[in-house]
Amino acid sequence: KSAASRVAPIIGGFRQIFVLLLSKVFLKETLEWPEFLAFFFLIAGGVLISLAIRVDGIHLEKPETKKVFLITILSAFLFALTYVLFKASIYHTPFFNAFIWSRLGGFAAAFLFLLSRESRHDIFVSPRMQAVSTTGALFMLNKFLGAVGFFLLDYAISIGRVSIINAMQGVEYTLIFIFAVSLSRKYPNILKEDFGRFAFLQKGAGIALVAGGLVLLALG
């Protein structure tokens, strides 16, 4: 129930750190110094791009309570464990087999929400669901693109180092920012973003760090 702008950077940053630690323990993955430096740049850049910073003094927006923070850290750990376990499964079964079973597991887990009457009402009767029915094509396109994105991410993890692939989420944040700038200027009534001078400096510094991380990976 905390603001997404406050929680997302924490999940993103801690998840990548957990992936690095878990991959070292369970997969025996190690990073050379150029890769470790690239890992740091990618994480720092991604967090900086996604972080909500208010300027009235300068202080960071943080989750309001210890409970929210702990839940966020647990979420980051579970995300990290999911990626590491998927990578581990690749060593024992073909990629498509691991991918299908991992998606089936997520599909089965989603059905647990249907056990609650309140959840069923929110899913099938809520105004949000009725809005989905009026924008069905856009909704289906969104889900299709999301599925393609998950497939490509899992394939990248299967052929690369899971810690580095995960750290490259900074590239995702960079693209989101670029799309947000473009769309907010073309459709200001639909999408509004803070593009003041300080925000641009913050995002620009984050993008520079991500670019630096990618350069280090390419040179390495």
C-alpha atoms as a PDB file:
ATOM      1  CA  LYS A   1       0.000   0.000   0.000  1.00  0.00           C
ATOM      2  CA  SER A   2       3.063   2.236  -0.110  1.00  0.00           C
ATOM      3  CA  ALA A   3       3.720   4.398  -3.170  1.00  0.00           C
ATOM      4  CA  ALA A   4       5.241   2.489  -6.079  1.00  0.00           C
ATOM      5  CA  SER A   5       7.865   5.208  -6.577  1.00  0.00           C
ATOM      6  CA  ARG A   6       9.142   4.484  -3.064  1.00  0.00           C
ATOM      7  CA  VAL A   7       9.019   0.689  -3.129  1.00  0.00           C
ATOM      8  CA  ALA A   8      10.211  -0.079  -6.675  1.00  0.00           C
ATOM      9  CA  PRO A   9      13.779   1.262  -6.256  1.00  0.00           C
ATOM     10  CA  ILE A  10      14.225  -0.733  -3.039  1.00  0.00           C
ATOM     11  CA  ILE A  11      13.005  -3.949  -4.663  1.00  0.00           C
ATOM     12  CA  GLY A  12      15.140  -3.326  -7.747  1.00  0.00           C
ATOM     13  CA  GLY A  13      18.316  -2.589  -5.828  1.00  0.00           C
ATOM     14  CA  PHE A  14      18.057  -5.295  -3.158  1.00  0.00           C
ATOM     15  CA  ARG A  15      16.869  -7.920  -5.648  1.00  0.00           C
ATOM     16  CA  GLN A  16      20.028  -7.529  -7.696  1.00  0.00           C
ATOM     17  CA  ILE A  17      22.208  -7.717  -4.593  1.00  0.00           C
ATOM     18  CA  PHE A  18      20.369 -10.877  -3.470  1.00  0.00           C
ATOM     19  CA  VAL A  19      20.799 -12.376  -6.948  1.00  0.00           C
ATOM     20  CA  LEU A  20      24.545 -11.702  -6.805  1.00  0.00           C
ATOM     21  CA  LEU A  21      24.865 -13.361  -3.376  1.00  0.00           C
ATOM     22  CA  LEU A  22      22.595 -16.331  -4.150  1.00  0.00           C
ATOM     23  CA  SER A  23      24.236 -16.994  -7.518  1.00  0.00           C
ATOM     24  CA  LYS A  24      27.634 -17.073  -5.819  1.00  0.00           C
ATOM     25  CA  VAL A  25      26.417 -19.497  -3.132  1.00  0.00           C
ATOM     26  CA  PHE A  26      24.302 -21.856  -5.265  1.00  0.00           C
ATOM     27  CA  LEU A  27      25.631 -21.439  -8.801  1.00  0.00           C
ATOM     28  CA  LYS A  28      29.280 -20.663  -7.974  1.00  0.00           C
ATOM     29  CA  GLU A  29      29.135 -17.639 -10.272  1.00  0.00           C
ATOM     30  CA  THR A  30      31.947 -15.134  -9.796  1.00  0.00           C
ATOM     31  CA  LEU A  31      32.468 -11.727 -11.383  1.00  0.00           C
ATOM     32  CA  GLU A  32      35.779 -10.313 -12.536  1.00  0.00           C
ATOM     33  CA  TRP A  33      36.554  -6.758 -11.442  1.00  0.00           C
ATOM     34  CA  PRO A  34      35.349  -5.116 -14.706  1.00  0.00           C
ATOM     35  CA  GLU A  35      32.099  -7.106 -14.465  1.00  0.00           C
ATOM     36  CA  PHE A  36      31.672  -6.234 -10.790  1.00  0.00           C
ATOM     37  CA  LEU A  37      32.196  -2.542 -11.563  1.00  0.00           C
ATOM     38  CA  ALA A  38      29.672  -2.791 -14.413  1.00  0.00           C
ATOM     39  CA  PHE A  39      27.266  -4.525 -12.008  1.00  0.00           C
ATOM     40  CA  PHE A  40      27.604  -1.624  -9.557  1.00  0.00           C
ATOM     41  CA  PHE A  41      27.092   1.014 -12.277  1.00  0.00           C
ATOM     42  CA  LEU A  42      23.994  -0.759 -13.625  1.00  0.00           C
ATOM     43  CA  ILE A  43      22.406  -1.085 -10.184  1.00  0.00           C
ATOM     44  CA  ALA A  44      23.227   2.483  -9.142  1.00  0.00           C
ATOM     45  CA  GLY A  45      21.980   3.861 -12.441  1.00  0.00           C
ATOM     46  CA  GLY A  46      18.744   1.875 -12.324  1.00  0.00           C
ATOM     47  CA  VAL A  47      17.966   2.914  -8.752  1.00  0.00           C
ATOM     48  CA  LEU A  48      18.795   6.561  -9.478  1.00  0.00           C
ATOM     49  CA  ILE A  49      16.509   6.638 -12.525  1.00  0.00           C
ATOM     50  CA  SER A  50      13.580   5.059 -10.668  1.00  0.00           C
ATOM     51  CA  LEU A  51      14.064   6.808  -7.318  1.00  0.00           C
ATOM     52  CA  ALA A  52      11.565   9.491  -6.296  1.00  0.00           C
ATOM     53  CA  ILE A  53      13.410  12.492  -4.879  1.00  0.00           C
ATOM     54  CA  ARG A  54      11.646  15.605  -3.589  1.00  0.00           C
ATOM     55  CA  VAL A  55      13.400  18.921  -3.366  1.00  0.00           C
ATOM     56  CA  ASP A  56      12.244  20.916  -0.342  1.00  0.00           C
ATOM     57  CA  GLY A  57      15.503  20.557   1.465  1.00  0.00           C
ATOM     58  CA  ILE A  58      16.681  17.435  -0.307  1.00  0.00           C
ATOM     59  CA  HIS A  59      15.475  14.195   1.183  1.00  0.00           C
ATOM     60  CA  LEU A  60      14.502  10.822  -0.178  1.00  0.00           C
ATOM     61  CA  GLU A  61      10.993   9.446  -0.036  1.00  0.00           C
ATOM     62  CA  LYS A  62      11.096   6.167   1.903  1.00  0.00           C
ATOM     63  CA  PRO A  63       8.522   3.533   2.884  1.00  0.00           C
ATOM     64  CA  GLU A  64       6.615   4.938   5.846  1.00  0.00           C
ATOM     65  CA  THR A  65       6.886   1.989   8.201  1.00  0.00           C
ATOM     66  CA  LYS A  66       9.245  -0.770   9.182  1.00  0.00           C
ATOM     67  CA  LYS A  67       6.606  -3.318   8.156  1.00  0.00           C
ATOM     68  CA  VAL A  68       6.462  -1.993   4.587  1.00  0.00           C
ATOM     69  CA  PHE A  69      10.263  -1.993   4.386  1.00  0.00           C
ATOM     70  CA  LEU A  70      10.531  -5.593   5.609  1.00  0.00           C
ATOM     71  CA  ILE A  71       7.833  -6.777   3.192  1.00  0.00           C
ATOM     72  CA  THR A  72       9.661  -4.998   0.372  1.00  0.00           C
ATOM     73  CA  ILE A  73      12.962  -6.682   1.271  1.00  0.00           C
ATOM     74  CA  LEU A  74      11.232 -10.081   1.455  1.00  0.00           C
ATOM     75  CA  SER A  75       9.710  -9.464  -1.974  1.00  0.00           C
ATOM     76  CA  ALA A  76      13.142  -8.595  -3.393  1.00  0.00           C
ATOM     77  CA  PHE A  77      14.615 -11.785  -1.899  1.00  0.00           C
ATOM     78  CA  LEU A  78      11.854 -13.990  -3.348  1.00  0.00           C
ATOM     79  CA  PHE A  79      12.256 -12.409  -6.791  1.00  0.00           C
ATOM     80  CA  ALA A  80      16.005 -13.055  -6.600  1.00  0.00           C
ATOM     81  CA  LEU A  81      15.484 -16.651  -5.471  1.00  0.00           C
ATOM     82  CA  THR A  82      13.118 -17.221  -8.410  1.00  0.00           C
ATOM     83  CA  TYR A  83      15.741 -16.119 -10.946  1.00  0.00           C
ATOM     84  CA  VAL A  84      18.530 -18.142  -9.332  1.00  0.00           C
ATOM     85  CA  LEU A  85      16.376 -21.290  -9.127  1.00  0.00           C
ATOM     86  CA  PHE A  86      15.419 -20.884 -12.784  1.00  0.00           C
ATOM     87  CA  LYS A  87      19.094 -20.611 -13.726  1.00  0.00           C
ATOM     88  CA  ALA A  88      19.873 -23.688 -11.635  1.00  0.00           C
ATOM     89  CA  SER A  89      17.128 -25.659 -13.414  1.00  0.00           C
ATOM     90  CA  ILE A  90      18.763 -24.903 -16.772  1.00  0.00           C
ATOM     91  CA  TYR A  91      21.709 -27.081 -15.729  1.00  0.00           C
ATOM     92  CA  HIS A  92      19.397 -30.091 -15.394  1.00  0.00           C
ATOM     93  CA  THR A  93      16.749 -29.675 -18.098  1.00  0.00           C
ATOM     94  CA  PRO A  94      16.374 -27.988 -21.514  1.00  0.00           C
ATOM     95  CA  PHE A  95      15.438 -24.301 -21.562  1.00  0.00           C
ATOM     96  CA  PHE A  96      11.904 -24.739 -22.923  1.00  0.00           C
ATOM     97  CA  ASN A  97      11.099 -27.372 -20.327  1.00  0.00           C
ATOM     98  CA  ALA A  98      12.316 -25.118 -17.498  1.00  0.00           C
ATOM     99  CA  PHE A  99      10.493 -22.109 -18.950  1.00  0.00           C
ATOM    100  CA  ILE A 100       7.153 -23.904 -19.333  1.00  0.00           C
ATOM    101  CA  TRP A 101       7.230 -25.390 -15.837  1.00  0.00           C
ATOM    102  CA  SER A 102       8.184 -22.049 -14.281  1.00  0.00           C
ATOM    103  CA  ARG A 103       5.269 -20.311 -16.048  1.00  0.00           C
ATOM    104  CA  LEU A 104       2.875 -23.117 -15.074  1.00  0.00           C
ATOM    105  CA  GLY A 105       3.960 -22.672 -11.466  1.00  0.00           C
ATOM    106  CA  GLY A 106       3.138 -18.969 -11.629  1.00  0.00           C
ATOM    107  CA  PHE A 107      -0.188 -19.712 -13.310  1.00  0.00           C
ATOM    108  CA  ALA A 108      -1.114 -22.207 -10.586  1.00  0.00           C
ATOM    109  CA  ALA A 109      -0.096 -19.762  -7.841  1.00  0.00           C
ATOM    110  CA  ALA A 110      -2.348 -17.102  -9.367  1.00  0.00           C
ATOM    111  CA  PHE A 111      -5.365 -19.373  -8.818  1.00  0.00           C
ATOM    112  CA  LEU A 112      -4.825 -19.137  -5.058  1.00  0.00           C
ATOM    113  CA  PHE A 113      -6.273 -15.614  -5.241  1.00  0.00           C
ATOM    114  CA  LEU A 114      -9.574 -17.107  -6.393  1.00  0.00           C
ATOM    115  CA  LEU A 115     -10.000 -18.908  -3.074  1.00  0.00           C
ATOM    116  CA  SER A 116     -10.983 -15.656  -1.386  1.00  0.00           C
ATOM    117  CA  ARG A 117     -14.501 -14.326  -2.061  1.00  0.00           C
ATOM    118  CA  GLU A 118     -13.246 -10.747  -1.704  1.00  0.00           C
ATOM    119  CA  SER A 119     -10.475 -11.378  -4.234  1.00  0.00           C
ATOM    120  CA  ARG A 120     -12.922 -12.944  -6.703  1.00  0.00           C
ATOM    121  CA  HIS A 121     -15.138  -9.869  -6.399  1.00  0.00           C
ATOM    122  CA  ASP A 122     -12.188  -7.533  -6.993  1.00  0.00           C
ATOM    123  CA  ILE A 123     -11.058  -9.543 -10.034  1.00  0.00           C
ATOM    124  CA  PHE A 124     -14.367 -10.121 -11.808  1.00  0.00           C
ATOM    125  CA  VAL A 125     -16.759  -7.401 -10.598  1.00  0.00           C
ATOM    126  CA  SER A 126     -14.622  -4.355  -9.802  1.00  0.00           C
ATOM    127  CA  PRO A 127     -14.849  -1.168 -11.907  1.00  0.00           C
ATOM    128  CA  ARG A 128     -11.242  -1.745 -12.943  1.00  0.00           C
ATOM    129  CA  MET A 129     -12.203  -5.081 -14.514  1.00  0.00           C
ATOM    130  CA  GLN A 130     -15.120  -3.431 -16.301  1.00  0.00           C
ATOM    131  CA  ALA A 131     -12.695  -0.865 -17.700  1.00  0.00           C
ATOM    132  CA  VAL A 132     -10.530  -3.714 -19.006  1.00  0.00           C
ATOM    133  CA  SER A 133     -13.519  -5.077 -20.931  1.00  0.00           C
ATOM    134  CA  THR A 134     -13.809  -1.769 -22.799  1.00  0.00           C
ATOM    135  CA  THR A 135     -10.120  -1.751 -23.761  1.00  0.00           C
ATOM    136  CA  GLY A 136      -9.738  -5.464 -24.439  1.00  0.00           C
ATOM    137  CA  ALA A 137      -7.418  -5.206 -27.437  1.00  0.00           C
ATOM    138  CA  LEU A 138      -4.990  -2.912 -25.617  1.00  0.00           C
ATOM    139  CA  PHE A 139      -5.123  -5.141 -22.537  1.00  0.00           C
ATOM    140  CA  MET A 140      -4.344  -8.273 -24.573  1.00  0.00           C
ATOM    141  CA  LEU A 141      -1.495  -6.487 -26.370  1.00  0.00           C
ATOM    142  CA  ASN A 142      -0.064  -5.487 -23.012  1.00  0.00           C
ATOM    143  CA  LYS A 143      -0.167  -9.089 -21.769  1.00  0.00           C
ATOM    144  CA  PHE A 144       1.308 -10.428 -25.013  1.00  0.00           C
ATOM    145  CA  LEU A 145       4.232  -8.009 -24.876  1.00  0.00           C
ATOM    146  CA  GLY A 146       4.735  -8.866 -21.209  1.00  0.00           C
ATOM    147  CA  ALA A 147       4.869 -12.585 -22.053  1.00  0.00           C
ATOM    148  CA  VAL A 148       7.433 -11.943 -24.797  1.00  0.00           C
ATOM    149  CA  GLY A 149       9.477  -9.885 -22.354  1.00  0.00           C
ATOM    150  CA  PHE A 150       9.440 -12.686 -19.751  1.00  0.00           C
ATOM    151  CA  PHE A 151      10.487 -15.211 -22.400  1.00  0.00           C
ATOM    152  CA  LEU A 152      13.422 -13.099 -23.580  1.00  0.00           C
ATOM    153  CA  LEU A 153      14.511 -12.401 -19.987  1.00  0.00           C
ATOM    154  CA  ASP A 154      14.460 -16.097 -19.101  1.00  0.00           C
ATOM    155  CA  TYR A 155      16.334 -16.969 -22.291  1.00  0.00           C
ATOM    156  CA  ALA A 156      18.988 -14.354 -21.504  1.00  0.00           C
ATOM    157  CA  ILE A 157      19.355 -15.805 -17.990  1.00  0.00           C
ATOM    158  CA  SER A 158      19.729 -19.299 -19.464  1.00  0.00           C
ATOM    159  CA  ILE A 159      22.730 -18.294 -21.623  1.00  0.00           C
ATOM    160  CA  GLY A 160      24.327 -15.601 -19.448  1.00  0.00           C
ATOM    161  CA  ARG A 161      25.227 -14.837 -15.862  1.00  0.00           C
ATOM    162  CA  VAL A 162      22.071 -14.305 -13.866  1.00  0.00           C
ATOM    163  CA  SER A 163      23.622 -11.548 -11.726  1.00  0.00           C
ATOM    164  CA  ILE A 164      24.650  -9.472 -14.761  1.00  0.00           C
ATOM    165  CA  ILE A 165      21.357 -10.054 -16.615  1.00  0.00           C
ATOM    166  CA  ASN A 166      19.428  -8.925 -13.551  1.00  0.00           C
ATOM    167  CA  ALA A 167      21.600  -5.860 -13.045  1.00  0.00           C
ATOM    168  CA  MET A 168      20.769  -4.774 -16.594  1.00  0.00           C
ATOM    169  CA  GLN A 169      17.293  -3.783 -15.393  1.00  0.00           C
ATOM    170  CA  GLY A 170      18.785  -0.313 -15.396  1.00  0.00           C
ATOM    171  CA  VAL A 171      18.384  -0.434 -19.182  1.00  0.00           C
ATOM    172  CA  GLU A 172      14.660  -1.079 -18.651  1.00  0.00           C
ATOM    173  CA  TYR A 173      14.350   1.985 -16.399  1.00  0.00           C
ATOM    174  CA  THR A 174      16.193   4.059 -19.006  1.00  0.00           C
ATOM    175  CA  LEU A 175      13.779   3.002 -21.757  1.00  0.00           C
ATOM    176  CA  ILE A 176      10.775   3.645 -19.495  1.00  0.00           C
ATOM    177  CA  PHE A 177      12.043   7.171 -18.855  1.00  0.00           C
ATOM    178  CA  ILE A 178      12.569   7.823 -22.577  1.00  0.00           C
ATOM    179  CA  PHE A 179       9.079   6.530 -23.418  1.00  0.00           C
ATOM    180  CA  ALA A 180       7.580   8.580 -20.570  1.00  0.00           C
ATOM    181  CA  VAL A 181       9.230  11.767 -21.862  1.00  0.00           C
ATOM    182  CA  SER A 182       7.981  11.127 -25.392  1.00  0.00           C
ATOM    183  CA  LEU A 183       4.423  10.181 -24.419  1.00  0.00           C
ATOM    184  CA  SER A 184       3.957  12.896 -21.807  1.00  0.00           C
ATOM    185  CA  ARG A 185       4.835  15.559 -24.344  1.00  0.00           C
ATOM    186  CA  LYS A 186       2.613  14.065 -27.029  1.00  0.00           C
ATOM    187  CA  TYR A 187      -0.275  13.110 -24.721  1.00  0.00           C
ATOM    188  CA  PRO A 188      -0.007  15.400 -21.643  1.00  0.00           C
ATOM    189  CA  ASN A 189      -3.622  14.706 -20.643  1.00  0.00           C
ATOM    190  CA  ILE A 190      -2.936  10.970 -20.362  1.00  0.00           C
ATOM    191  CA  LEU A 191       0.559  10.831 -18.896  1.00  0.00           C
ATOM    192  CA  LYS A 192       2.098  13.451 -16.624  1.00  0.00           C
ATOM    193  CA  GLU A 193       5.658  13.254 -15.335  1.00  0.00           C
ATOM    194  CA  ASP A 194       7.919  15.595 -13.396  1.00  0.00           C
ATOM    195  CA  PHE A 195      10.462  16.848 -15.910  1.00  0.00           C
ATOM    196  CA  GLY A 196      11.881  19.761 -13.962  1.00  0.00           C
ATOM    197  CA  ARG A 197      15.570  20.583 -14.049  1.00  0.00           C
ATOM    198  CA  PHE A 198      16.436  18.546 -10.974  1.00  0.00           C
ATOM    199  CA  ALA A 199      14.516  15.502 -12.264  1.00  0.00           C
ATOM    200  CA  PHE A 200      16.355  15.649 -15.573  1.00  0.00           C
ATOM    201  CA  LEU A 201      19.709  15.903 -13.813  1.00  0.00           C
ATOM    202  CA  GLN A 202      18.820  12.919 -11.623  1.00  0.00           C
ATOM    203  CA  LYS A 203      17.632  10.776 -14.542  1.00  0.00           C
ATOM    204  CA  GLY A 204      20.550  11.906 -16.699  1.00  0.00           C
ATOM    205  CA  ALA A 205      23.057  10.829 -14.042  1.00  0.00           C
ATOM    206  CA  GLY A 206      21.314   7.461 -13.781  1.00  0.00           C
ATOM    207  CA  ILE A 207      21.364   6.972 -17.563  1.00  0.00           C
ATOM    208  CA  ALA A 208      25.086   7.873 -17.628  1.00  0.00           C
ATOM    209  CA  LEU A 209      25.799   5.197 -15.003  1.00  0.00           C
ATOM    210  CA  VAL A 210      23.798   2.593 -16.946  1.00  0.00           C
ATOM    211  CA  ALA A 211      25.642   3.517 -20.148  1.00  0.00           C
ATOM    212  CA  GLY A 212      28.960   3.240 -18.306  1.00  0.00           C
ATOM    213  CA  GLY A 213      28.024  -0.227 -17.049  1.00  0.00           C
ATOM    214  CA  LEU A 214      27.114  -1.374 -20.562  1.00  0.00           C
ATOM    215  CA  VAL A 215      30.416  -0.044 -21.918  1.00  0.00           C
ATOM    216  CA  LEU A 216      32.352  -1.929 -19.252  1.00  0.00           C
ATOM    217  CA  LEU A 217      30.497  -5.134 -20.131  1.00  0.00           C
ATOM    218  CA  ALA A 218      31.171  -4.646 -23.836  1.00  0.00           C
ATOM    219  CA  LEU A 219      34.891  -3.984 -23.256  1.00  0.00           C
ATOM    220  CA  GLY A 220      35.119  -6.908 -20.859  1.00  0.00           C
END
